[in-house]
Protein backbone atom coordinates (compact mmCIF):
# COMPACT_ATOMS: atom_id res chain seq x y z
CA MET A 1 6.64 -23.50 8.00
CA ASN A 2 4.80 -26.55 6.63
CA VAL A 3 4.97 -27.34 2.93
CA PRO A 4 1.74 -26.19 1.23
CA SER A 5 -1.17 -28.62 1.07
CA LEU A 6 -0.57 -31.20 -1.64
CA ALA A 7 -2.93 -33.60 -3.37
CA LEU A 8 -2.60 -37.05 -1.80
CA THR A 9 -5.08 -39.36 -3.52
CA PHE A 10 -5.16 -43.04 -2.71
CA ALA A 11 -6.27 -44.24 -6.16
CA LEU A 12 -4.58 -45.64 -9.25
CA SER A 13 -5.22 -42.43 -11.24
CA ALA A 14 -3.41 -40.35 -8.62
CA GLY A 15 -0.48 -42.65 -8.19
CA ILE A 16 -1.39 -44.64 -5.04
CA CYS A 17 -3.54 -47.73 -5.34
CA ALA A 18 -5.46 -48.87 -2.25
CA ALA A 19 -6.63 -52.38 -1.51
CA ALA A 20 -10.32 -53.12 -1.17
CA ASP A 21 -10.27 -52.88 2.63
CA ALA A 22 -8.04 -49.71 2.53
CA ALA A 23 -5.54 -51.42 4.88
CA GLU A 24 -2.91 -51.89 2.18
CA ILE A 25 -1.55 -49.21 -0.12
CA THR A 26 0.65 -49.79 -3.13
CA ILE A 27 3.29 -47.09 -3.22
CA LYS A 28 3.71 -45.02 -6.33
CA PRO A 29 5.37 -41.58 -6.68
CA VAL A 30 3.13 -38.57 -7.13
CA THR A 31 3.91 -35.11 -8.51
CA ILE A 32 4.16 -32.33 -5.95
CA PRO A 33 5.22 -28.68 -6.33
CA GLU A 34 8.78 -27.67 -5.55
CA MET A 35 8.72 -24.84 -3.02
CA LYS A 36 11.14 -21.94 -2.63
CA ALA A 37 11.34 -19.98 0.60
CA VAL A 38 11.87 -16.24 0.11
CA TYR A 39 11.11 -13.11 2.05
CA GLY A 40 8.40 -10.70 0.96
CA GLN A 41 8.27 -7.07 1.99
CA ILE A 42 5.02 -5.37 3.03
CA GLN A 43 4.45 -2.49 0.62
CA PRO A 44 1.57 -0.02 0.17
CA ARG A 45 -0.32 -0.16 -3.09
CA ILE A 46 -0.06 3.64 -3.37
CA SER A 47 2.45 5.92 -1.66
CA VAL A 48 1.52 9.60 -1.88
CA ALA A 49 3.21 12.69 -0.53
CA ALA A 50 1.40 15.46 1.31
CA ARG A 51 3.27 18.53 0.05
CA ALA A 52 3.48 22.15 1.07
CA ARG A 53 1.66 24.53 -1.28
CA LEU A 54 3.17 27.61 0.35
CA SER A 55 6.68 28.59 1.36
CA GLY A 56 7.01 29.55 4.99
CA THR A 57 7.46 28.21 8.51
CA VAL A 58 5.80 25.01 9.77
CA ALA A 59 3.68 26.55 12.53
CA ASP A 60 1.74 23.39 13.40
CA LEU A 61 2.41 19.70 12.72
CA ARG A 62 -0.54 17.47 13.61
CA VAL A 63 0.60 13.97 12.60
CA THR A 64 3.40 11.57 13.36
CA GLU A 65 4.51 8.22 11.97
CA GLY A 66 1.84 5.55 12.28
CA ASP A 67 -1.17 7.89 12.42
CA ILE A 68 -4.26 7.07 10.35
CA VAL A 69 -5.55 10.00 8.26
CA LYS A 70 -8.53 10.63 6.02
CA ALA A 71 -8.50 12.42 2.69
CA GLY A 72 -8.89 16.16 3.31
CA ASP A 73 -7.54 16.13 6.87
CA VAL A 74 -5.29 19.08 7.72
CA ILE A 75 -2.01 17.51 8.83
CA ALA A 76 0.11 20.67 9.11
CA GLU A 77 -0.07 24.46 8.94
CA ILE A 78 2.53 26.61 7.18
CA LYS A 79 2.68 30.31 8.03
CA ASP A 80 4.13 33.13 5.95
CA ASP A 81 4.06 36.39 7.93
CA LYS A 82 4.63 38.46 4.79
CA LEU A 83 1.14 37.57 3.58
CA ASP A 84 -0.43 39.08 6.71
CA PHE A 85 1.50 42.30 6.15
CA GLN A 86 0.37 42.40 2.52
CA ILE A 87 -3.25 41.95 3.55
CA LYS A 88 -2.94 44.80 6.06
CA ALA A 89 -1.36 47.03 3.41
CA ILE A 90 -4.21 46.36 0.99
CA ASP A 91 -6.77 46.98 3.74
CA ALA A 92 -5.18 50.39 4.37
CA GLN A 93 -5.20 51.10 0.63
CA LEU A 94 -8.89 50.18 0.46
CA LEU A 95 -9.71 52.58 3.28
CA GLY A 96 -8.02 55.42 1.37
CA LEU A 97 -9.76 54.50 -1.90
CA GLN A 98 -13.14 54.28 -0.23
CA ALA A 99 -12.65 57.75 1.29
CA SER A 100 -11.63 59.08 -2.12
CA LEU A 101 -14.68 57.44 -3.68
CA LYS A 102 -16.95 59.06 -1.11
CA ASP A 103 -15.53 62.51 -1.92
CA ALA A 104 -15.68 61.85 -5.69
CA ARG A 105 -19.35 60.87 -5.47
CA ALA A 106 -20.14 63.97 -3.44
CA GLU A 107 -18.40 66.13 -6.07
CA LEU A 108 -20.28 64.29 -8.80
CA ASP A 109 -23.65 64.91 -7.14
CA ARG A 110 -22.82 68.60 -6.72
CA ALA A 111 -21.71 68.87 -10.36
CA GLU A 112 -24.91 67.20 -11.50
CA ARG A 113 -27.02 69.81 -9.71
CA LEU A 114 -24.92 72.64 -11.12
CA VAL A 115 -25.25 71.26 -14.63
CA ARG A 116 -29.04 71.24 -14.30
CA SER A 117 -28.97 74.87 -13.11
CA GLY A 118 -26.48 75.88 -15.84
CA ALA A 119 -23.79 76.95 -13.33
CA THR A 120 -21.14 74.55 -14.66
CA SER A 121 -20.27 72.85 -17.91
CA THR A 122 -21.09 69.31 -18.98
CA GLN A 123 -17.36 68.72 -19.54
CA ARG A 124 -16.66 69.20 -15.83
CA PHE A 125 -19.44 66.78 -14.96
CA ASP A 126 -17.97 64.14 -17.30
CA GLN A 127 -14.53 64.55 -15.74
CA LEU A 128 -15.91 63.97 -12.25
CA ARG A 129 -17.87 60.94 -13.41
CA THR A 130 -14.76 59.43 -15.00
CA GLN A 131 -12.79 60.07 -11.82
CA THR A 132 -15.46 58.25 -9.80
CA ASP A 133 -15.36 55.27 -12.17
CA VAL A 134 -11.55 55.12 -11.93
CA ILE A 135 -11.62 55.03 -8.13
CA THR A 136 -14.35 52.35 -8.17
CA ASN A 137 -12.22 50.20 -10.47
CA GLN A 138 -9.17 50.73 -8.24
CA ILE A 139 -11.19 49.47 -5.28
CA GLY A 140 -12.20 46.38 -7.27
CA THR A 141 -8.57 45.71 -8.21
CA ALA A 142 -7.42 46.05 -4.59
CA GLU A 143 -10.17 43.71 -3.38
CA ALA A 144 -9.17 41.11 -6.00
CA GLN A 145 -5.54 41.37 -4.91
CA ARG A 146 -6.62 40.91 -1.31
CA SER A 147 -8.61 37.78 -2.25
CA VAL A 148 -5.55 36.31 -3.97
CA ILE A 149 -3.37 36.84 -0.91
CA VAL A 150 -6.05 35.47 1.42
CA GLN A 151 -6.23 32.35 -0.76
CA GLN A 152 -2.44 32.02 -0.66
CA SER A 153 -2.57 32.22 3.11
CA ALA A 154 -5.27 29.52 3.21
CA GLU A 155 -3.01 27.25 1.16
CA GLY A 156 -0.71 27.10 4.16
CA ALA A 157 -2.89 24.19 5.32
CA VAL A 158 -1.25 20.90 4.23
CA ILE A 159 -4.02 18.49 3.23
CA ALA A 160 -3.89 14.68 3.29
CA PRO A 161 -4.40 13.67 -0.37
CA SER A 162 -5.95 10.27 0.46
CA ASP A 163 -6.92 7.88 3.24
CA GLY A 164 -4.07 5.87 4.69
CA ARG A 165 -1.33 5.50 7.28
CA VAL A 166 1.43 8.06 7.76
CA VAL A 167 4.73 6.23 7.21
CA SER A 168 7.17 9.12 7.42
CA VAL A 169 7.18 12.79 8.45
CA PRO A 170 10.38 14.45 7.19
CA ALA A 171 9.26 17.93 8.28
CA THR A 172 9.59 19.33 11.81
CA LYS A 173 7.71 22.08 13.61
CA ASP A 174 9.14 25.62 13.30
CA ALA A 175 11.31 24.54 10.36
CA VAL A 176 11.28 26.39 7.05
CA ALA A 177 9.42 24.60 4.25
CA MET A 178 9.45 25.49 0.58
CA ALA A 179 6.50 25.15 -1.77
CA GLY A 180 6.38 21.58 -3.10
CA GLU A 181 8.37 20.14 -0.20
CA THR A 182 7.12 16.84 1.28
CA ILE A 183 5.63 17.21 4.74
CA ALA A 184 4.44 13.60 5.19
CA GLU A 185 4.38 10.32 3.23
CA ILE A 186 1.06 8.45 3.31
CA ALA A 187 0.59 4.78 2.42
CA SER A 188 -2.87 4.14 1.01
CA GLY A 189 -4.87 1.88 -1.28
CA GLY A 190 -4.18 -1.30 0.71
CA PHE A 191 -1.04 -3.38 1.11
CA PHE A 192 0.60 -6.34 -0.63
CA LEU A 193 3.78 -8.38 -0.43
CA ARG A 194 6.60 -7.64 -2.85
CA LEU A 195 8.99 -10.50 -3.56
CA ALA A 196 12.49 -10.54 -5.05
CA VAL A 197 12.91 -14.01 -6.56
CA PRO A 198 16.25 -15.28 -8.00
CA GLU A 199 16.12 -15.13 -11.78
CA ARG A 200 16.81 -18.86 -12.17
CA HIS A 201 13.23 -19.41 -10.94
CA ALA A 202 11.68 -16.78 -13.23
CA GLN A 203 10.46 -19.29 -15.83
CA ASP A 204 8.75 -21.38 -13.13
CA LEU A 205 6.65 -18.54 -11.69
CA ARG A 206 2.99 -18.57 -12.68
CA GLN A 207 0.62 -15.68 -12.16
CA GLY A 208 -2.35 -16.79 -10.04
CA SER A 209 -0.40 -19.50 -8.16
CA PRO A 210 -1.42 -20.00 -4.51
CA ILE A 211 1.17 -18.81 -1.99
CA ARG A 212 1.65 -19.84 1.64
CA ILE A 213 2.81 -17.14 4.06
CA ASP A 214 4.12 -17.25 7.61
CA ALA A 215 3.31 -13.87 9.11
CA ALA A 216 5.02 -13.94 12.51
CA GLY A 217 3.76 -17.46 13.14
CA THR A 218 0.31 -16.86 11.65
CA PRO A 219 -0.29 -18.95 8.50
CA LEU A 220 -1.87 -17.00 5.65
CA THR A 221 -2.64 -17.70 2.02
CA GLY A 222 -2.14 -15.39 -0.93
CA THR A 223 -2.10 -15.25 -4.70
CA LEU A 224 0.79 -14.42 -7.00
CA ALA A 225 -0.89 -11.37 -8.57
CA LYS A 226 1.79 -9.88 -10.80
CA ILE A 227 5.20 -10.79 -12.18
CA TYR A 228 7.31 -7.87 -13.43
CA PRO A 229 9.26 -8.40 -16.67
CA LEU A 230 12.37 -6.47 -15.58
CA ILE A 231 15.21 -8.43 -13.95
CA ASP A 232 17.21 -6.19 -11.63
CA GLY A 233 20.32 -7.37 -9.85
CA GLY A 234 19.65 -10.99 -10.78
CA ARG A 235 16.18 -10.97 -9.21
CA VAL A 236 12.62 -10.93 -10.53
CA THR A 237 10.07 -8.75 -8.76
CA ALA A 238 6.63 -10.20 -8.05
CA ASP A 239 3.60 -9.04 -6.04
CA VAL A 240 1.43 -11.24 -3.82
CA GLU A 241 -2.14 -10.32 -2.85
CA VAL A 242 -2.84 -11.26 0.78
CA GLU A 243 -5.93 -10.81 2.92
CA ASN A 244 -5.72 -9.98 6.65
CA LEU A 245 -2.08 -8.92 6.32
CA ASP A 246 -0.75 -7.17 9.41
CA THR A 247 0.29 -3.71 8.18
CA GLN A 248 1.51 -2.30 11.47
CA PHE A 249 5.05 -2.16 10.09
CA VAL A 250 5.26 -1.01 6.48
CA GLY A 251 8.38 -2.48 4.87
CA GLY A 252 8.43 -5.44 7.27
CA ARG A 253 9.66 -8.78 5.89
CA VAL A 254 7.48 -11.88 5.87
CA LEU A 255 8.53 -15.46 5.08
CA VAL A 256 6.86 -16.75 1.91
CA GLU A 257 6.92 -20.12 0.16
CA LEU A 258 6.08 -20.09 -3.53
CA PRO A 259 5.99 -22.89 -6.10
CA VAL A 260 8.92 -22.80 -8.52
CA GLY A 261 8.55 -26.20 -10.18
CA GLN A 262 7.45 -29.80 -9.67
CA ARG A 263 9.05 -33.04 -8.48
CA GLN A 264 8.20 -36.66 -7.77
CA ALA A 265 7.68 -37.74 -4.16
CA ILE A 266 6.41 -40.71 -2.16
CA LEU A 267 3.65 -39.84 0.31
CA VAL A 268 2.17 -42.00 3.06
CA PRO A 269 -0.57 -41.34 5.63
CA ALA A 270 0.82 -39.81 8.80
CA ASP A 271 -0.69 -42.53 11.00
CA ALA A 272 1.21 -45.20 9.08
CA ILE A 273 4.49 -44.06 10.69
CA THR A 274 5.58 -45.21 14.15
CA THR A 275 8.67 -44.01 16.00
CA HIS A 276 10.92 -46.18 18.18
CA ALA A 277 14.13 -44.91 19.76
CA GLY A 278 14.04 -41.85 17.51
CA VAL A 279 13.78 -43.90 14.31
CA ASP A 280 10.67 -43.81 12.08
CA PHE A 281 9.22 -47.11 10.87
CA VAL A 282 6.44 -48.15 8.51
CA THR A 283 4.85 -51.60 8.10
CA VAL A 284 5.52 -53.13 4.70
CA LYS A 285 4.00 -56.34 3.31
CA GLU A 286 6.42 -58.89 1.95
CA THR A 287 6.02 -62.46 0.65
CA ASP A 288 6.46 -64.06 4.06
CA GLY A 289 4.41 -61.51 6.02
CA THR A 290 4.87 -57.94 7.22
CA VAL A 291 8.04 -56.27 8.44
CA GLN A 292 8.91 -52.97 10.09
CA ARG A 293 11.06 -50.92 7.74
CA ALA A 294 13.04 -47.87 8.83
CA VAL A 295 12.35 -44.77 6.73
CA LEU A 296 13.55 -41.20 6.57
CA ALA A 297 10.51 -38.96 6.86
CA GLY A 298 10.38 -35.52 5.32
CA GLU A 299 8.04 -32.60 5.79
CA PRO A 300 4.42 -33.22 6.81
CA VAL A 301 1.77 -32.30 4.24
CA GLU A 302 -2.02 -32.23 4.13
CA SER A 303 -4.48 -33.80 1.74
CA GLU A 304 -8.12 -32.75 1.98
CA GLY A 305 -7.60 -32.02 5.64
CA LYS A 306 -5.88 -35.37 6.33
CA PRO A 307 -2.22 -35.45 7.45
CA ALA A 308 0.40 -37.16 5.32
CA VAL A 309 4.20 -37.34 5.29
CA GLU A 310 6.75 -37.37 2.49
CA ILE A 311 9.15 -40.33 2.62
CA LEU A 312 12.66 -39.40 1.52
CA SER A 313 14.16 -42.89 1.70
CA GLY A 314 13.16 -46.40 2.78
CA LEU A 315 10.27 -46.94 0.37
CA VAL A 316 10.29 -47.51 -3.38
CA GLU A 317 7.65 -47.70 -6.02
CA GLY A 318 5.69 -50.95 -5.80
CA ASP A 319 6.08 -51.48 -2.06
CA ILE A 320 2.85 -52.40 -0.27
CA LEU A 321 2.27 -50.28 2.81
CA VAL A 322 0.11 -51.68 5.60
CA THR A 323 -1.83 -48.98 7.44
CA PRO A 324 -3.34 -49.32 10.93
């Protein structure tokens, strides 16, 4: 991975003074960030569990790892046969109560006619009316109980709580699941990179710093979004916001370079270096003319889209570099 783009300014204020015709450059060290290569792990912003609301057998499992789901999608069905038997029992009870109610109403109508003709007492009529009301209330109670059981049966559908990607499915079809048990884990809310940085670099981390990322050979840029205050196992946890991050593999590791300090370096334009027999040379002006001086080149950098190279040895402050 290339070192992140660094400011290379050929002016006195930036540390490199150019001649009037820009063919000669007076070398002066410039400040560049010190980079630390670490691995970041792709993590979901939110990890939610789709849980069973009903104890029973997993009759249908509709998702597997890697599937994309929407909030409200039914991802599994849990069946409890006892609920069906309870519904049938209540249905039979309702049939008996409705038959009893029919007879009680018939008796009540007959008693009402007899009361008007004086053939029976008002007390008997009141008893029959109370009996009818009791049966009506019993029917209402049974219907409410049936509604509760029907609702419990409907809760056998396991619902995706949010949009996202299914990362794990610990349940299996035809297995027994208890209420509250996790059927699937869903990663949602986007993804970020989580870093574990050695604690010796903790004081050098700055929230908002630009980060360079090598995602399987694809260069990306990110921002150091959050630094956690807890040091665990000698490492500081930090999160990096990245756009266009490949989230095919949640938990995958990505190489990251982040700034952990600053140092002085000598930079020259990339076209000022020539290579002969595997040795790098630059042209340096001396009192009696120009000479080719061997240098040890470091990592290439960029400045405003122009290539440059760090010189590790061979040049010192004050040397005059002659460019093509």
